[in-house]
N, C-alpha and C. Protein backbone atom coordinates (compact mmCIF):
# COMPACT_ATOMS: atom_id res chain seq x y z
N MET A 1 40.89 30.01 -29.31
CA MET A 1 40.82 31.40 -29.06
C MET A 1 39.47 31.72 -28.99
N SER A 2 38.94 32.38 -27.93
CA SER A 2 37.47 32.84 -27.72
C SER A 2 37.23 34.18 -28.14
N THR A 3 36.18 34.46 -28.65
CA THR A 3 35.86 35.78 -29.07
C THR A 3 34.65 36.40 -28.11
N SER A 4 34.81 37.56 -27.56
CA SER A 4 33.78 38.00 -26.72
C SER A 4 32.83 38.82 -27.59
N LEU A 5 31.43 38.44 -27.32
CA LEU A 5 30.31 39.04 -28.07
C LEU A 5 29.88 40.37 -27.19
N LYS A 6 30.38 40.66 -26.18
CA LYS A 6 30.07 41.83 -25.30
C LYS A 6 30.19 43.07 -26.07
N GLY A 7 29.15 43.96 -26.13
CA GLY A 7 29.27 45.11 -26.69
C GLY A 7 29.19 45.05 -28.38
N LYS A 8 28.86 43.85 -28.84
CA LYS A 8 28.70 43.86 -30.36
C LYS A 8 27.15 43.63 -30.84
N GLY A 9 26.20 43.96 -29.87
CA GLY A 9 24.89 43.98 -30.19
C GLY A 9 24.19 42.42 -30.12
N VAL A 10 24.91 41.54 -29.71
CA VAL A 10 24.51 40.29 -29.67
C VAL A 10 24.14 39.88 -28.20
N ALA A 11 22.83 39.57 -28.10
CA ALA A 11 22.24 39.24 -26.80
C ALA A 11 23.06 37.99 -26.14
N ALA A 12 23.30 38.12 -24.92
CA ALA A 12 23.83 36.96 -24.21
C ALA A 12 22.64 35.92 -23.81
N ASP A 13 22.92 34.68 -23.78
CA ASP A 13 22.00 33.74 -23.08
C ASP A 13 21.53 34.21 -21.88
N PRO A 14 20.15 34.08 -21.66
CA PRO A 14 19.58 34.48 -20.22
C PRO A 14 20.06 33.51 -19.30
N PRO A 15 20.12 34.21 -18.09
CA PRO A 15 20.62 33.26 -16.96
C PRO A 15 19.76 32.06 -16.63
N LEU A 16 20.23 30.81 -16.15
CA LEU A 16 19.37 29.77 -15.86
C LEU A 16 18.59 29.90 -14.74
N PRO A 17 17.37 29.40 -14.64
CA PRO A 17 16.48 29.66 -13.44
C PRO A 17 17.17 28.90 -12.24
N PRO A 18 16.87 29.45 -10.95
CA PRO A 18 17.42 28.73 -9.83
C PRO A 18 16.94 27.38 -9.83
N SER A 19 17.82 26.44 -9.13
CA SER A 19 17.36 25.14 -9.06
C SER A 19 16.19 25.02 -8.12
N PRO A 20 15.22 24.01 -8.31
CA PRO A 20 14.13 23.96 -7.43
C PRO A 20 14.45 23.71 -5.83
N VAL A 21 13.68 24.25 -5.09
CA VAL A 21 13.97 24.05 -3.65
C VAL A 21 13.47 22.63 -3.30
N PRO A 22 14.27 21.52 -2.82
CA PRO A 22 13.70 20.40 -2.53
C PRO A 22 12.74 20.48 -1.45
N THR A 23 11.63 19.66 -1.62
CA THR A 23 10.57 19.50 -0.70
C THR A 23 10.58 18.17 0.10
N MET A 24 10.06 18.24 1.24
CA MET A 24 9.92 16.94 1.93
C MET A 24 8.56 16.39 1.82
N SER A 25 8.24 15.23 1.31
CA SER A 25 7.13 14.47 1.13
C SER A 25 7.43 13.04 1.32
N VAL A 26 6.40 12.41 1.70
CA VAL A 26 6.44 10.80 1.80
C VAL A 26 5.68 10.26 0.57
N PRO A 27 6.54 9.72 -0.43
CA PRO A 27 5.90 9.16 -1.42
C PRO A 27 5.09 7.91 -1.32
N VAL A 28 3.95 7.70 -1.86
CA VAL A 28 3.31 6.46 -1.76
C VAL A 28 3.81 5.68 -3.00
N ALA A 29 4.50 4.65 -2.85
CA ALA A 29 4.87 3.77 -3.88
C ALA A 29 4.86 2.22 -3.71
N VAL A 30 4.99 1.59 -4.83
CA VAL A 30 4.97 0.07 -4.50
C VAL A 30 6.09 -0.38 -3.85
N ASN A 31 7.34 0.26 -4.22
CA ASN A 31 8.45 -0.03 -3.42
C ASN A 31 9.16 1.19 -2.96
N PRO A 32 8.80 1.72 -1.78
CA PRO A 32 9.27 2.98 -1.41
C PRO A 32 10.67 2.91 -1.20
N VAL A 33 11.45 3.94 -1.20
CA VAL A 33 12.88 4.11 -1.18
C VAL A 33 13.16 4.88 0.06
N VAL A 34 14.16 4.34 0.75
CA VAL A 34 14.85 5.11 2.05
C VAL A 34 16.15 5.65 1.60
N ASN A 35 16.26 6.74 1.98
CA ASN A 35 17.73 7.55 1.87
C ASN A 35 18.49 7.29 2.94
N ILE A 36 19.37 6.49 2.93
CA ILE A 36 20.45 6.23 4.14
C ILE A 36 21.79 6.79 3.66
N THR A 37 22.30 7.65 4.16
CA THR A 37 23.74 8.42 4.07
C THR A 37 23.86 8.56 2.56
N GLY A 38 22.90 9.10 1.92
CA GLY A 38 22.98 9.52 0.60
C GLY A 38 22.67 8.40 -0.36
N ILE A 39 22.57 7.12 -0.05
CA ILE A 39 22.24 6.14 -0.90
C ILE A 39 20.91 5.67 -0.86
N GLN A 40 20.13 5.77 -1.98
CA GLN A 40 18.83 5.42 -1.99
C GLN A 40 18.75 3.80 -2.11
N GLN A 41 17.90 3.13 -1.25
CA GLN A 41 17.80 1.86 -1.11
C GLN A 41 16.19 1.47 -1.09
N PRO A 42 15.82 0.52 -1.75
CA PRO A 42 14.34 0.15 -1.61
C PRO A 42 14.13 -0.34 -0.22
N LEU A 43 12.90 0.05 0.30
CA LEU A 43 12.57 -0.28 1.61
C LEU A 43 12.13 -1.65 1.68
N ALA A 44 12.60 -2.38 2.55
CA ALA A 44 12.27 -3.91 2.87
C ALA A 44 11.08 -3.89 3.78
N ILE A 45 9.90 -4.41 3.22
CA ILE A 45 8.60 -4.28 3.84
C ILE A 45 8.49 -5.78 4.35
N VAL A 46 8.45 -6.04 5.55
CA VAL A 46 8.47 -7.33 6.06
C VAL A 46 6.80 -7.52 6.29
N LYS A 47 6.60 -8.85 5.84
CA LYS A 47 5.25 -9.45 5.87
C LYS A 47 4.79 -9.60 7.29
N PRO A 48 3.52 -9.37 7.54
CA PRO A 48 2.98 -9.64 8.97
C PRO A 48 3.13 -10.99 9.25
N LYS A 49 3.20 -11.27 10.52
CA LYS A 49 3.19 -12.69 10.99
C LYS A 49 1.85 -13.28 10.73
N MET A 50 1.90 -14.59 10.65
CA MET A 50 0.51 -15.43 10.50
C MET A 50 -0.27 -15.08 11.70
N PHE A 51 -1.63 -14.99 11.52
CA PHE A 51 -2.49 -14.71 12.60
C PHE A 51 -3.38 -16.01 12.96
N GLY A 52 -3.26 -16.43 14.30
CA GLY A 52 -4.02 -17.65 14.41
C GLY A 52 -5.29 -17.18 15.20
N SER A 53 -5.46 -17.34 16.48
CA SER A 53 -6.61 -16.96 17.28
C SER A 53 -6.46 -16.18 18.53
N LYS A 54 -5.18 -15.96 18.81
CA LYS A 54 -4.96 -15.10 20.03
C LYS A 54 -5.49 -13.75 19.95
N GLU A 55 -6.26 -13.48 20.87
CA GLU A 55 -7.04 -12.20 20.70
C GLU A 55 -6.18 -10.99 21.11
N GLU A 56 -5.07 -11.30 21.75
CA GLU A 56 -4.07 -10.19 22.04
C GLU A 56 -3.09 -9.80 20.88
N ASP A 57 -3.23 -10.85 19.84
CA ASP A 57 -2.38 -10.50 18.74
C ASP A 57 -3.14 -9.90 17.46
N MET A 58 -4.46 -9.95 17.59
CA MET A 58 -5.40 -9.22 16.69
C MET A 58 -5.07 -7.85 16.33
N GLU A 59 -4.92 -7.04 17.38
CA GLU A 59 -4.81 -5.49 17.05
C GLU A 59 -3.47 -5.26 16.34
N LEU A 60 -2.44 -6.03 16.94
CA LEU A 60 -1.07 -5.89 16.13
C LEU A 60 -1.00 -6.21 14.85
N PHE A 61 -1.91 -7.48 14.60
CA PHE A 61 -2.01 -8.02 13.16
C PHE A 61 -2.70 -6.95 12.17
N VAL A 62 -3.70 -6.31 12.73
CA VAL A 62 -4.37 -5.31 11.90
C VAL A 62 -3.57 -4.04 11.74
N LEU A 63 -2.81 -3.63 12.58
CA LEU A 63 -1.83 -2.53 12.63
C LEU A 63 -0.96 -2.77 11.48
N GLN A 64 -0.37 -3.98 11.49
CA GLN A 64 0.78 -4.40 10.69
C GLN A 64 0.24 -4.36 9.16
N LEU A 65 -0.93 -4.97 9.06
CA LEU A 65 -1.71 -4.91 7.72
C LEU A 65 -1.73 -3.46 7.27
N ARG A 66 -2.30 -2.59 7.96
CA ARG A 66 -2.56 -1.26 7.66
C ARG A 66 -1.22 -0.41 7.20
N ALA A 67 -0.16 -0.78 7.92
CA ALA A 67 1.15 -0.32 7.56
C ALA A 67 1.45 -0.93 6.13
N VAL A 68 1.35 -2.08 5.92
CA VAL A 68 1.85 -2.78 4.50
C VAL A 68 0.86 -2.06 3.54
N PHE A 69 -0.50 -1.87 3.82
CA PHE A 69 -1.22 -1.19 2.85
C PHE A 69 -0.77 0.15 2.48
N ARG A 70 -0.50 0.86 3.36
CA ARG A 70 -0.07 2.30 3.35
C ARG A 70 1.40 2.41 2.49
N LEU A 71 2.25 1.51 2.85
CA LEU A 71 3.45 1.58 2.07
C LEU A 71 3.46 0.93 0.70
N GLN A 72 2.60 0.15 0.45
CA GLN A 72 2.41 -0.54 -0.79
C GLN A 72 1.09 -0.31 -1.35
N ALA A 73 0.67 1.24 -1.35
CA ALA A 73 -0.80 1.49 -1.75
C ALA A 73 -1.11 1.25 -3.31
N LYS A 74 -0.08 1.20 -4.13
CA LYS A 74 -0.48 0.79 -5.51
C LYS A 74 -0.63 -0.52 -5.73
N ARG A 75 -0.14 -1.40 -4.71
CA ARG A 75 -0.44 -2.97 -4.74
C ARG A 75 -1.72 -3.17 -4.11
N PHE A 76 -2.13 -2.51 -3.02
CA PHE A 76 -3.34 -2.71 -2.51
C PHE A 76 -4.44 -1.57 -2.78
N LYS A 77 -4.92 -1.53 -4.12
CA LYS A 77 -5.69 -0.38 -4.56
C LYS A 77 -7.13 -0.44 -3.90
N ASP A 78 -7.55 -1.67 -3.56
CA ASP A 78 -9.07 -1.84 -3.24
C ASP A 78 -9.17 -2.71 -2.07
N ASN A 79 -10.40 -2.84 -1.36
CA ASN A 79 -10.64 -3.40 -0.29
C ASN A 79 -10.58 -4.87 -0.49
N GLN A 80 -11.01 -5.38 -1.57
CA GLN A 80 -10.90 -6.88 -1.82
C GLN A 80 -9.44 -7.34 -1.87
N ALA A 81 -8.42 -6.64 -2.34
CA ALA A 81 -7.17 -7.04 -2.32
C ALA A 81 -6.47 -7.15 -0.78
N LYS A 82 -7.07 -6.02 -0.12
CA LYS A 82 -6.72 -6.04 1.35
C LYS A 82 -7.09 -7.06 2.06
N THR A 83 -8.45 -7.41 1.98
CA THR A 83 -9.13 -8.39 2.67
C THR A 83 -8.48 -9.93 2.18
N LEU A 84 -8.38 -10.09 0.97
CA LEU A 84 -7.84 -11.24 0.52
C LEU A 84 -6.31 -11.50 1.16
N TYR A 85 -5.44 -10.52 1.06
CA TYR A 85 -4.21 -10.60 1.72
C TYR A 85 -4.13 -10.94 3.12
N ALA A 86 -5.22 -10.23 3.85
CA ALA A 86 -5.10 -10.54 5.22
C ALA A 86 -5.60 -11.89 5.58
N MET A 87 -6.58 -12.36 4.76
CA MET A 87 -6.95 -13.83 4.78
C MET A 87 -5.87 -14.81 4.48
N SER A 88 -4.81 -14.44 3.57
CA SER A 88 -3.98 -15.25 3.24
C SER A 88 -2.86 -15.46 4.39
N LEU A 89 -2.99 -14.61 5.29
CA LEU A 89 -2.04 -14.58 6.40
C LEU A 89 -2.73 -15.22 7.76
N MET A 90 -3.79 -15.93 7.64
CA MET A 90 -4.54 -16.47 8.63
C MET A 90 -4.30 -17.93 8.69
N GLU A 91 -4.47 -18.46 9.95
CA GLU A 91 -4.24 -19.98 10.07
C GLU A 91 -5.05 -20.39 11.42
N GLY A 92 -5.35 -21.57 11.48
CA GLY A 92 -6.12 -22.25 12.52
C GLY A 92 -7.58 -21.74 12.52
N CYS A 93 -8.25 -21.52 13.73
CA CYS A 93 -9.59 -21.21 13.72
C CYS A 93 -10.00 -19.85 13.03
N THR A 94 -9.08 -19.00 12.93
CA THR A 94 -9.42 -17.69 12.11
C THR A 94 -9.45 -18.03 10.65
N LEU A 95 -8.68 -18.95 10.16
CA LEU A 95 -8.73 -19.39 8.86
C LEU A 95 -10.01 -20.10 8.48
N GLU A 96 -10.44 -20.94 9.57
CA GLU A 96 -11.77 -21.67 9.39
C GLU A 96 -12.80 -20.62 9.30
N TRP A 97 -12.84 -19.58 10.22
CA TRP A 97 -13.75 -18.52 10.18
C TRP A 97 -13.81 -17.85 8.73
N ALA A 98 -12.66 -17.58 8.18
CA ALA A 98 -12.52 -16.87 6.79
C ALA A 98 -13.03 -17.74 5.70
N LYS A 99 -12.84 -19.06 5.87
CA LYS A 99 -13.09 -20.16 4.86
C LYS A 99 -14.47 -19.84 4.05
N SER A 100 -15.41 -19.80 4.95
CA SER A 100 -16.85 -19.73 4.48
C SER A 100 -17.01 -18.52 3.63
N TYR A 101 -16.45 -17.43 4.07
CA TYR A 101 -16.51 -16.16 3.23
C TYR A 101 -15.80 -16.33 1.97
N LEU A 102 -14.50 -16.87 1.92
CA LEU A 102 -13.66 -17.20 0.74
C LEU A 102 -14.43 -17.95 -0.27
N ILE A 103 -15.14 -19.17 0.19
CA ILE A 103 -15.70 -19.93 -0.79
C ILE A 103 -16.96 -19.27 -1.38
N LYS A 104 -17.78 -18.30 -0.57
CA LYS A 104 -18.76 -17.68 -1.22
C LYS A 104 -18.26 -16.59 -2.15
N TYR A 105 -17.10 -15.80 -1.59
CA TYR A 105 -16.53 -14.82 -2.49
C TYR A 105 -16.17 -15.37 -3.88
N TRP A 106 -15.33 -16.45 -3.83
CA TRP A 106 -14.92 -16.87 -5.15
C TRP A 106 -15.97 -17.62 -6.04
N LYS A 107 -17.05 -17.92 -5.51
CA LYS A 107 -18.24 -18.45 -6.14
C LYS A 107 -18.84 -17.31 -7.01
N HIS A 108 -18.85 -16.08 -6.33
CA HIS A 108 -19.57 -14.93 -6.90
C HIS A 108 -18.72 -13.84 -7.26
N VAL A 109 -17.27 -14.02 -7.39
CA VAL A 109 -16.45 -13.02 -7.61
C VAL A 109 -16.73 -12.43 -8.98
N GLY A 110 -16.80 -10.94 -9.12
CA GLY A 110 -17.27 -10.24 -10.24
C GLY A 110 -18.76 -10.14 -10.44
N ASP A 111 -19.39 -10.86 -9.65
CA ASP A 111 -20.94 -10.80 -9.75
C ASP A 111 -21.48 -10.40 -8.41
N ASP A 112 -21.13 -9.13 -7.91
CA ASP A 112 -21.47 -8.72 -6.49
C ASP A 112 -22.94 -8.85 -6.06
N ASN A 113 -23.76 -8.69 -7.12
CA ASN A 113 -25.15 -8.69 -6.91
C ASN A 113 -25.70 -9.97 -6.55
N ASN A 114 -25.06 -11.05 -6.76
CA ASN A 114 -25.40 -12.43 -6.19
C ASN A 114 -24.68 -12.84 -5.01
N MET A 115 -23.80 -12.11 -4.47
CA MET A 115 -23.12 -12.15 -3.25
C MET A 115 -23.95 -11.91 -2.14
N ASP A 116 -24.06 -12.72 -0.94
CA ASP A 116 -25.02 -12.43 0.15
C ASP A 116 -24.22 -11.34 0.77
N TYR A 117 -25.18 -10.50 1.66
CA TYR A 117 -24.85 -9.36 2.40
C TYR A 117 -23.51 -9.47 3.18
N ASP A 118 -23.47 -10.50 4.02
CA ASP A 118 -22.46 -10.78 4.92
C ASP A 118 -21.11 -11.02 4.28
N THR A 119 -21.13 -11.58 3.22
CA THR A 119 -19.85 -11.80 2.34
C THR A 119 -19.48 -10.77 1.73
N LYS A 120 -20.41 -9.85 1.29
CA LYS A 120 -19.99 -8.57 0.70
C LYS A 120 -19.39 -7.67 1.76
N LYS A 121 -20.03 -7.63 2.97
CA LYS A 121 -19.50 -6.85 4.07
C LYS A 121 -18.15 -7.02 4.36
N ILE A 122 -17.88 -8.48 4.50
CA ILE A 122 -16.43 -8.83 4.91
C ILE A 122 -15.48 -8.77 3.72
N MET A 123 -15.72 -9.24 2.59
CA MET A 123 -14.80 -9.17 1.53
C MET A 123 -14.48 -7.95 0.77
N LEU A 124 -15.59 -6.97 0.69
CA LEU A 124 -15.45 -5.75 0.02
C LEU A 124 -15.18 -4.47 0.73
N HIS A 125 -15.15 -4.69 2.16
CA HIS A 125 -14.87 -3.53 3.08
C HIS A 125 -13.82 -4.02 4.18
N PHE A 126 -12.42 -3.64 4.07
CA PHE A 126 -11.45 -4.04 4.87
C PHE A 126 -11.75 -3.72 6.30
N GLU A 127 -12.21 -2.43 6.46
CA GLU A 127 -12.50 -2.01 7.96
C GLU A 127 -13.47 -2.85 8.64
N LYS A 128 -14.57 -3.27 7.85
CA LYS A 128 -15.62 -4.13 8.45
C LYS A 128 -15.16 -5.34 8.74
N PHE A 129 -14.13 -5.85 7.74
CA PHE A 129 -13.52 -7.32 8.08
C PHE A 129 -12.79 -7.21 9.42
N ALA A 130 -11.93 -5.91 9.39
CA ALA A 130 -11.07 -5.89 10.75
C ALA A 130 -12.00 -5.73 11.91
N LYS A 131 -13.09 -5.03 11.80
CA LYS A 131 -13.90 -5.06 13.01
C LYS A 131 -14.45 -6.44 13.39
N GLU A 132 -14.75 -7.25 12.31
CA GLU A 132 -15.34 -8.62 12.60
C GLU A 132 -14.39 -9.46 13.65
N LEU A 133 -12.96 -9.01 13.09
CA LEU A 133 -12.02 -9.95 13.92
C LEU A 133 -11.98 -9.78 15.36
N GLU A 134 -12.48 -8.52 15.73
CA GLU A 134 -12.48 -8.26 17.17
C GLU A 134 -13.55 -9.23 17.79
């Protein structure tokens, strides 16, 4: 049995506020989610192909890396992480080129003041690293 309070001096509960209007934005997350037919699924991010020495593959390699860095921005927070990841995907003569920078980097990691200028330029600045690949 329900009792109505209408007209008995008792205030009714205030109406609920309207639901927020959904906004469209592209979140930057470690594991972005894609909404396909109403079901949210983690976005599968494919690792770029190994990069050897073919000049025609270099631009695509760098573009793929930039896409990975954008989609996984929390994972690749700084240029060192980006450059190290890129170097981990090198093989052949490009890996040989990167080897000297990697050796100097690991020798002075955390001690940037003792790292030579060229190593700093390559290891601490992804865009400068990418330019050197050209």
